N, C-alpha and C. Protein backbone atom coordinates (compact mmCIF):
# COMPACT_ATOMS: atom_id res chain seq x y z
N MET A 1 26.68 -21.55 16.95
CA MET A 1 26.20 -22.04 15.65
C MET A 1 25.51 -20.89 14.92
N LYS A 2 25.66 -20.81 13.67
CA LYS A 2 25.00 -19.75 12.88
C LYS A 2 23.60 -19.91 12.57
N THR A 3 22.82 -18.77 12.52
CA THR A 3 21.42 -18.99 12.28
C THR A 3 21.13 -19.49 10.89
N LEU A 4 19.95 -19.94 10.60
CA LEU A 4 19.57 -20.45 9.21
C LEU A 4 19.81 -19.23 8.26
N GLU A 5 19.43 -18.15 8.75
CA GLU A 5 19.52 -16.94 7.76
C GLU A 5 20.97 -16.60 7.42
N GLU A 6 21.87 -16.78 8.49
CA GLU A 6 23.27 -16.41 8.23
C GLU A 6 23.86 -17.46 7.25
N GLN A 7 23.44 -18.73 7.55
CA GLN A 7 23.85 -19.88 6.65
C GLN A 7 23.42 -19.69 5.22
N LEU A 8 22.17 -19.23 5.07
CA LEU A 8 21.61 -18.95 3.79
C LEU A 8 22.36 -17.84 3.03
N THR A 9 22.71 -16.80 3.73
CA THR A 9 23.58 -15.72 3.13
C THR A 9 24.86 -16.17 2.67
N GLU A 10 25.47 -16.97 3.54
CA GLU A 10 26.88 -17.50 3.09
C GLU A 10 26.74 -18.40 1.91
N VAL A 11 25.72 -19.27 1.74
CA VAL A 11 25.59 -20.19 0.67
C VAL A 11 25.35 -19.31 -0.59
N GLN A 12 24.47 -18.28 -0.41
CA GLN A 12 24.16 -17.47 -1.72
C GLN A 12 25.29 -16.65 -2.09
N GLN A 13 26.19 -16.30 -1.17
CA GLN A 13 27.39 -15.62 -1.54
C GLN A 13 28.34 -16.47 -2.36
N ALA A 14 28.39 -17.74 -1.88
CA ALA A 14 29.31 -18.70 -2.45
C ALA A 14 28.81 -18.95 -3.90
N ILE A 15 27.47 -19.13 -4.02
CA ILE A 15 26.86 -19.28 -5.32
C ILE A 15 27.23 -18.23 -6.25
N SER A 16 27.07 -16.98 -5.74
CA SER A 16 27.24 -15.78 -6.50
C SER A 16 28.76 -15.74 -7.04
N ASP A 17 29.60 -16.10 -6.05
CA ASP A 17 31.10 -16.00 -6.32
C ASP A 17 31.47 -16.98 -7.47
N ILE A 18 30.86 -18.14 -7.44
CA ILE A 18 31.01 -19.16 -8.52
C ILE A 18 30.49 -18.70 -9.80
N LEU A 19 29.35 -18.04 -9.86
CA LEU A 19 28.78 -17.57 -11.00
C LEU A 19 29.48 -16.40 -11.66
N LEU A 20 30.02 -15.48 -10.80
CA LEU A 20 30.71 -14.38 -11.27
C LEU A 20 32.15 -14.59 -11.62
N ASN A 21 32.70 -15.52 -11.02
CA ASN A 21 34.19 -15.83 -11.23
C ASN A 21 34.21 -17.16 -11.79
N ALA A 22 35.05 -18.12 -11.33
CA ALA A 22 35.19 -19.34 -11.80
C ALA A 22 35.13 -20.35 -10.63
N GLN A 23 34.78 -21.60 -11.00
CA GLN A 23 34.65 -22.59 -9.95
C GLN A 23 36.08 -23.15 -9.60
N GLU A 24 36.91 -23.14 -10.72
CA GLU A 24 38.25 -23.59 -10.52
C GLU A 24 39.32 -22.62 -10.99
N ALA A 25 40.39 -22.64 -10.35
CA ALA A 25 41.46 -21.64 -10.69
C ALA A 25 42.86 -22.26 -10.36
N TRP A 26 43.91 -21.74 -10.99
CA TRP A 26 45.20 -22.13 -10.72
C TRP A 26 45.83 -21.11 -9.89
N TYR A 27 46.43 -21.51 -8.80
CA TYR A 27 47.27 -20.48 -7.94
C TYR A 27 48.61 -21.15 -7.59
N ASN A 28 49.73 -20.43 -7.99
CA ASN A 28 51.04 -20.90 -7.80
C ASN A 28 51.22 -22.34 -8.26
N GLY A 29 50.71 -22.67 -9.32
CA GLY A 29 50.92 -23.97 -9.98
C GLY A 29 49.94 -25.10 -9.44
N GLN A 30 49.02 -24.69 -8.52
CA GLN A 30 48.10 -25.68 -7.90
C GLN A 30 46.74 -25.44 -8.30
N LYS A 31 45.93 -26.40 -8.60
CA LYS A 31 44.52 -26.13 -9.02
C LYS A 31 43.72 -26.07 -7.66
N VAL A 32 42.88 -25.08 -7.63
CA VAL A 32 42.01 -24.88 -6.52
C VAL A 32 40.61 -24.85 -7.06
N ARG A 33 39.75 -25.65 -6.31
CA ARG A 33 38.44 -25.82 -6.71
C ARG A 33 37.48 -25.36 -5.57
N LYS A 34 36.48 -24.57 -5.87
CA LYS A 34 35.49 -24.08 -4.88
C LYS A 34 34.44 -25.16 -4.65
N ALA A 35 33.60 -24.96 -3.75
CA ALA A 35 32.56 -25.84 -3.48
C ALA A 35 31.72 -26.13 -4.84
N ASP A 36 31.07 -27.25 -4.93
CA ASP A 36 30.30 -27.64 -6.11
C ASP A 36 29.03 -26.88 -6.20
N LEU A 37 28.81 -26.23 -7.32
CA LEU A 37 27.59 -25.35 -7.52
C LEU A 37 26.31 -26.21 -7.21
N VAL A 38 26.14 -27.36 -7.73
CA VAL A 38 25.00 -28.20 -7.54
C VAL A 38 24.75 -28.42 -6.02
N THR A 39 25.77 -28.76 -5.27
CA THR A 39 25.70 -28.97 -3.88
C THR A 39 25.22 -27.68 -3.10
N LEU A 40 25.68 -26.58 -3.52
CA LEU A 40 25.43 -25.27 -2.87
C LEU A 40 23.91 -24.93 -3.20
N GLU A 41 23.53 -25.28 -4.38
CA GLU A 41 22.16 -24.94 -4.81
C GLU A 41 21.11 -25.77 -4.04
N ARG A 42 21.46 -27.11 -3.75
CA ARG A 42 20.69 -27.99 -2.97
C ARG A 42 20.70 -27.47 -1.55
N ARG A 43 21.77 -27.07 -0.98
CA ARG A 43 21.76 -26.60 0.40
C ARG A 43 21.00 -25.25 0.51
N GLU A 44 20.97 -24.32 -0.53
CA GLU A 44 20.17 -23.18 -0.47
C GLU A 44 18.73 -23.50 -0.46
N LYS A 45 18.27 -24.42 -1.25
CA LYS A 45 16.95 -24.95 -1.36
C LYS A 45 16.46 -25.39 -0.05
N ARG A 46 17.37 -26.33 0.54
CA ARG A 46 17.02 -26.89 1.97
C ARG A 46 16.86 -25.82 3.07
N LEU A 47 17.78 -24.82 3.00
CA LEU A 47 17.75 -23.79 3.95
C LEU A 47 16.46 -22.94 3.81
N LEU A 48 16.11 -22.69 2.61
CA LEU A 48 14.90 -21.82 2.33
C LEU A 48 13.69 -22.60 2.85
N VAL A 49 13.57 -23.84 2.76
CA VAL A 49 12.50 -24.63 3.28
C VAL A 49 12.43 -24.62 4.86
N GLN A 50 13.65 -24.77 5.48
CA GLN A 50 13.81 -24.76 6.89
C GLN A 50 13.41 -23.36 7.48
N ILE A 51 13.77 -22.25 6.81
CA ILE A 51 13.43 -21.03 7.23
C ILE A 51 11.88 -20.74 7.10
N LYS A 52 11.38 -21.21 6.04
CA LYS A 52 9.83 -21.11 5.83
C LYS A 52 9.15 -21.80 6.92
N ARG A 53 9.57 -23.09 7.27
CA ARG A 53 9.01 -23.83 8.35
C ARG A 53 9.09 -23.05 9.68
N LYS A 54 10.25 -22.58 10.01
CA LYS A 54 10.45 -21.89 11.22
C LYS A 54 9.63 -20.68 11.37
N ASN A 55 9.42 -19.95 10.29
CA ASN A 55 8.61 -18.81 10.38
C ASN A 55 7.16 -19.06 10.39
N ARG A 56 6.74 -20.16 9.86
CA ARG A 56 5.31 -20.52 9.85
C ARG A 56 4.90 -21.02 11.31
N GLY A 57 5.84 -21.52 12.04
CA GLY A 57 5.57 -21.87 13.50
C GLY A 57 4.55 -22.99 13.68
N GLY A 58 4.86 -23.71 14.83
CA GLY A 58 3.94 -24.78 15.17
C GLY A 58 4.09 -26.09 14.29
N ILE A 59 3.35 -27.09 14.74
CA ILE A 59 3.44 -28.36 14.03
C ILE A 59 2.09 -28.46 13.14
N ARG A 60 2.23 -28.93 12.01
CA ARG A 60 1.22 -29.16 11.12
C ARG A 60 0.80 -30.68 11.00
N VAL A 61 -0.48 -31.01 11.23
CA VAL A 61 -0.78 -32.38 11.08
C VAL A 61 -1.81 -32.41 9.92
N ARG A 62 -1.66 -33.36 8.96
CA ARG A 62 -2.47 -33.50 7.83
C ARG A 62 -2.83 -34.96 7.70
N GLY A 63 -4.13 -35.17 7.38
CA GLY A 63 -4.54 -36.54 7.20
C GLY A 63 -4.81 -37.35 8.39
N ALA A 64 -4.92 -36.70 9.58
CA ALA A 64 -5.23 -37.41 10.85
C ALA A 64 -6.65 -37.69 11.02
N THR A 65 -6.94 -38.78 11.59
CA THR A 65 -8.34 -39.16 11.95
C THR A 65 -8.73 -38.55 13.30
N PRO A 66 -9.81 -37.78 13.34
CA PRO A 66 -10.29 -37.24 14.63
C PRO A 66 -10.71 -38.39 15.52
N VAL A 67 -10.52 -38.19 16.72
CA VAL A 67 -10.89 -39.23 17.72
C VAL A 67 -12.13 -38.75 18.46
């Protein structure tokens, strides 16, 4: 399985490809559609949060009542 960072790189490359080129194209008379930009952006945001959590380390407890 790929690391979170590797997944993020792939998602960002896919987003860049859509922005620089087109999301849809015709090849040999068939319409080809790449991944949805909105879906890729959501995935990117989720991966960034996961990477931030991983790098922060440990479990955070907020609002707990001391015993």
